[in-house]
Amino acid sequence: MQNQSESQFLVTMSTAKPVREKVAAHRQRLRDAGRIYVNTDLPADLVDCLDKIKAERGLASRAQVFELALKAFVENEMRA
């Protein structure tokens, strides 16, 4: 890789800005839809469980699994 003129992992300043702009625009669309971006770290075994549930239910992302689980947790807590 050292002697290659181009790398698929190379990020140049000319490509970094448009990517940042796309991410910012995506997050703005989420905010406009009433959603907030949340980032967290989880134990690997829990992520494995999320991935298994995601595959079993045919969901597109871990975020969908996490949202369903969190909704169920909140509903359960509100009833308690």
N, C-alpha and C. Protein backbone atom coordinates (compact mmCIF):
# COMPACT_ATOMS: atom_id res chain seq x y z
N MET A 1 0.82 -1.19 0.00
CA MET A 1 0.00 0.00 0.00
C MET A 1 0.86 1.26 0.00
N GLN A 2 2.03 1.15 0.58
CA GLN A 2 2.87 2.32 0.72
C GLN A 2 3.24 2.93 -0.63
N ASN A 3 3.49 2.10 -1.62
CA ASN A 3 3.93 2.61 -2.91
C ASN A 3 2.80 2.80 -3.91
N GLN A 4 1.59 2.54 -3.52
CA GLN A 4 0.47 2.72 -4.43
C GLN A 4 0.11 4.20 -4.51
N SER A 5 -0.19 4.65 -5.71
CA SER A 5 -0.51 6.07 -5.88
C SER A 5 -1.91 6.40 -5.37
N GLU A 6 -2.81 5.43 -5.42
CA GLU A 6 -4.17 5.66 -4.93
C GLU A 6 -4.57 4.51 -4.03
N SER A 7 -5.29 4.81 -3.00
CA SER A 7 -5.77 3.79 -2.07
C SER A 7 -7.25 4.01 -1.84
N GLN A 8 -7.98 2.93 -1.70
CA GLN A 8 -9.41 3.08 -1.43
C GLN A 8 -9.67 3.67 -0.05
N PHE A 9 -8.65 3.68 0.81
CA PHE A 9 -8.81 4.20 2.16
C PHE A 9 -8.30 5.64 2.29
N LEU A 10 -7.73 6.17 1.24
CA LEU A 10 -7.18 7.51 1.27
C LEU A 10 -8.31 8.54 1.27
N VAL A 11 -8.26 9.43 2.23
CA VAL A 11 -9.22 10.53 2.29
C VAL A 11 -8.45 11.82 2.09
N THR A 12 -8.72 12.50 1.03
CA THR A 12 -8.05 13.77 0.78
C THR A 12 -8.93 14.91 1.25
N MET A 13 -8.35 16.06 1.39
CA MET A 13 -9.11 17.22 1.83
C MET A 13 -10.24 17.54 0.85
N SER A 14 -10.03 17.26 -0.43
CA SER A 14 -11.07 17.57 -1.40
C SER A 14 -12.29 16.66 -1.24
N THR A 15 -12.09 15.44 -0.72
CA THR A 15 -13.23 14.55 -0.52
C THR A 15 -13.78 14.62 0.90
N ALA A 16 -12.97 15.07 1.84
CA ALA A 16 -13.41 15.11 3.24
C ALA A 16 -14.53 16.13 3.44
N LYS A 17 -14.43 17.29 2.85
CA LYS A 17 -15.44 18.32 3.06
C LYS A 17 -16.81 17.90 2.53
N PRO A 18 -16.90 17.40 1.30
CA PRO A 18 -18.23 16.97 0.83
C PRO A 18 -18.83 15.87 1.71
N VAL A 19 -18.01 14.97 2.24
CA VAL A 19 -18.52 13.92 3.12
C VAL A 19 -19.07 14.54 4.39
N ARG A 20 -18.33 15.47 4.97
CA ARG A 20 -18.82 16.16 6.18
C ARG A 20 -20.13 16.87 5.90
N GLU A 21 -20.22 17.49 4.75
CA GLU A 21 -21.45 18.20 4.39
C GLU A 21 -22.62 17.23 4.22
N LYS A 22 -22.35 16.06 3.63
CA LYS A 22 -23.41 15.06 3.46
C LYS A 22 -23.88 14.54 4.82
N VAL A 23 -22.93 14.28 5.72
CA VAL A 23 -23.29 13.80 7.06
C VAL A 23 -24.09 14.87 7.79
N ALA A 24 -23.64 16.11 7.71
CA ALA A 24 -24.36 17.21 8.37
C ALA A 24 -25.77 17.34 7.81
N ALA A 25 -25.91 17.22 6.50
CA ALA A 25 -27.24 17.32 5.88
C ALA A 25 -28.13 16.17 6.31
N HIS A 26 -27.55 14.97 6.39
CA HIS A 26 -28.32 13.79 6.83
C HIS A 26 -28.81 13.99 8.27
N ARG A 27 -27.91 14.42 9.14
CA ARG A 27 -28.30 14.63 10.54
C ARG A 27 -29.33 15.75 10.67
N GLN A 28 -29.24 16.76 9.82
CA GLN A 28 -30.24 17.83 9.84
C GLN A 28 -31.61 17.29 9.43
N ARG A 29 -31.64 16.42 8.42
CA ARG A 29 -32.91 15.81 8.01
C ARG A 29 -33.50 14.98 9.15
N LEU A 30 -32.64 14.28 9.89
CA LEU A 30 -33.12 13.51 11.04
C LEU A 30 -33.71 14.44 12.10
N ARG A 31 -33.00 15.53 12.40
CA ARG A 31 -33.52 16.50 13.38
C ARG A 31 -34.85 17.08 12.92
N ASP A 32 -34.93 17.40 11.63
CA ASP A 32 -36.18 17.94 11.09
C ASP A 32 -37.33 16.95 11.23
N ALA A 33 -37.01 15.66 11.25
CA ALA A 33 -38.02 14.62 11.41
C ALA A 33 -38.26 14.29 12.88
N GLY A 34 -37.66 15.10 13.79
CA GLY A 34 -37.87 14.89 15.21
C GLY A 34 -36.98 13.82 15.82
N ARG A 35 -35.90 13.49 15.16
CA ARG A 35 -35.00 12.45 15.65
C ARG A 35 -33.69 13.10 16.08
N ILE A 36 -33.02 12.46 17.04
CA ILE A 36 -31.74 12.95 17.56
C ILE A 36 -30.72 11.83 17.45
N TYR A 37 -29.55 12.15 16.94
CA TYR A 37 -28.47 11.17 16.78
C TYR A 37 -27.87 10.89 18.15
N VAL A 38 -27.76 9.61 18.51
CA VAL A 38 -27.18 9.18 19.77
C VAL A 38 -26.08 8.17 19.47
N ASN A 39 -24.95 8.31 20.13
CA ASN A 39 -23.82 7.42 19.92
C ASN A 39 -23.42 6.84 21.27
N THR A 40 -23.20 5.54 21.33
CA THR A 40 -22.80 4.91 22.58
C THR A 40 -21.93 3.70 22.30
N ASP A 41 -21.27 3.22 23.34
CA ASP A 41 -20.53 1.97 23.21
C ASP A 41 -21.24 0.90 24.03
N LEU A 42 -21.18 -0.33 23.55
CA LEU A 42 -21.86 -1.46 24.20
C LEU A 42 -20.91 -2.64 24.27
N PRO A 43 -21.14 -3.55 25.21
CA PRO A 43 -20.33 -4.77 25.26
C PRO A 43 -20.55 -5.60 23.99
N ALA A 44 -19.50 -6.28 23.55
CA ALA A 44 -19.55 -7.05 22.31
C ALA A 44 -20.66 -8.10 22.33
N ASP A 45 -20.88 -8.75 23.47
CA ASP A 45 -21.92 -9.79 23.52
C ASP A 45 -23.31 -9.20 23.32
N LEU A 46 -23.53 -7.99 23.80
CA LEU A 46 -24.82 -7.33 23.60
C LEU A 46 -25.01 -6.94 22.14
N VAL A 47 -23.95 -6.48 21.50
CA VAL A 47 -24.02 -6.14 20.08
C VAL A 47 -24.29 -7.40 19.26
N ASP A 48 -23.69 -8.52 19.65
CA ASP A 48 -23.97 -9.79 18.97
C ASP A 48 -25.46 -10.13 19.06
N CYS A 49 -26.06 -9.90 20.23
CA CYS A 49 -27.49 -10.15 20.39
C CYS A 49 -28.31 -9.21 19.51
N LEU A 50 -27.92 -7.94 19.46
CA LEU A 50 -28.62 -6.99 18.59
C LEU A 50 -28.56 -7.44 17.14
N ASP A 51 -27.38 -7.91 16.72
CA ASP A 51 -27.22 -8.37 15.33
C ASP A 51 -28.08 -9.59 15.04
N LYS A 52 -28.19 -10.48 16.02
CA LYS A 52 -29.01 -11.68 15.84
C LYS A 52 -30.49 -11.29 15.69
N ILE A 53 -30.95 -10.42 16.56
CA ILE A 53 -32.35 -9.96 16.49
C ILE A 53 -32.60 -9.22 15.18
N LYS A 54 -31.65 -8.39 14.78
CA LYS A 54 -31.77 -7.64 13.52
C LYS A 54 -31.96 -8.59 12.36
N ALA A 55 -31.15 -9.64 12.31
CA ALA A 55 -31.24 -10.61 11.21
C ALA A 55 -32.55 -11.39 11.27
N GLU A 56 -32.94 -11.82 12.47
CA GLU A 56 -34.17 -12.60 12.62
C GLU A 56 -35.41 -11.81 12.20
N ARG A 57 -35.41 -10.52 12.49
CA ARG A 57 -36.58 -9.69 12.17
C ARG A 57 -36.48 -9.00 10.82
N GLY A 58 -35.35 -9.17 10.16
CA GLY A 58 -35.17 -8.55 8.85
C GLY A 58 -35.08 -7.03 8.91
N LEU A 59 -34.54 -6.52 9.99
CA LEU A 59 -34.41 -5.07 10.15
C LEU A 59 -33.15 -4.58 9.44
N ALA A 60 -33.15 -3.31 9.08
CA ALA A 60 -32.06 -2.75 8.29
C ALA A 60 -30.85 -2.34 9.13
N SER A 61 -31.07 -2.07 10.43
CA SER A 61 -29.96 -1.56 11.21
C SER A 61 -30.09 -1.93 12.68
N ARG A 62 -28.96 -1.84 13.38
CA ARG A 62 -28.97 -2.03 14.83
C ARG A 62 -29.80 -0.95 15.50
N ALA A 63 -29.81 0.23 14.91
CA ALA A 63 -30.57 1.34 15.49
C ALA A 63 -32.05 0.98 15.61
N GLN A 64 -32.57 0.27 14.62
CA GLN A 64 -33.98 -0.13 14.68
C GLN A 64 -34.21 -1.11 15.83
N VAL A 65 -33.29 -2.04 16.04
CA VAL A 65 -33.42 -2.99 17.15
C VAL A 65 -33.34 -2.23 18.47
N PHE A 66 -32.37 -1.35 18.57
CA PHE A 66 -32.19 -0.58 19.80
C PHE A 66 -33.41 0.28 20.09
N GLU A 67 -33.99 0.89 19.06
CA GLU A 67 -35.19 1.72 19.25
C GLU A 67 -36.36 0.89 19.75
N LEU A 68 -36.58 -0.28 19.15
CA LEU A 68 -37.67 -1.16 19.60
C LEU A 68 -37.46 -1.59 21.06
N ALA A 69 -36.23 -1.97 21.39
CA ALA A 69 -35.94 -2.41 22.76
C ALA A 69 -36.11 -1.26 23.75
N LEU A 70 -35.65 -0.09 23.38
CA LEU A 70 -35.77 1.06 24.28
C LEU A 70 -37.23 1.47 24.47
N LYS A 71 -38.02 1.41 23.41
CA LYS A 71 -39.45 1.71 23.53
C LYS A 71 -40.12 0.73 24.49
N ALA A 72 -39.82 -0.56 24.35
CA ALA A 72 -40.40 -1.57 25.24
C ALA A 72 -39.98 -1.31 26.68
N PHE A 73 -38.71 -0.96 26.89
CA PHE A 73 -38.22 -0.68 28.23
C PHE A 73 -38.94 0.52 28.84
N VAL A 74 -39.05 1.59 28.07
CA VAL A 74 -39.70 2.81 28.56
C VAL A 74 -41.17 2.55 28.87
N GLU A 75 -41.87 1.84 27.97
CA GLU A 75 -43.28 1.52 28.22
C GLU A 75 -43.42 0.70 29.49
N ASN A 76 -42.54 -0.25 29.71
CA ASN A 76 -42.57 -1.08 30.91
C ASN A 76 -42.32 -0.24 32.16
N GLU A 77 -41.37 0.67 32.09
CA GLU A 77 -41.05 1.53 33.23
C GLU A 77 -42.20 2.48 33.55
N MET A 78 -42.88 2.97 32.52
CA MET A 78 -43.98 3.90 32.73
C MET A 78 -45.17 3.21 33.39
N ARG A 79 -45.32 1.91 33.15
CA ARG A 79 -46.41 1.15 33.77
C ARG A 79 -46.10 0.80 35.22
N ALA A 80 -44.84 0.78 35.58
CA ALA A 80 -44.43 0.36 36.93
C ALA A 80 -44.72 1.42 37.96
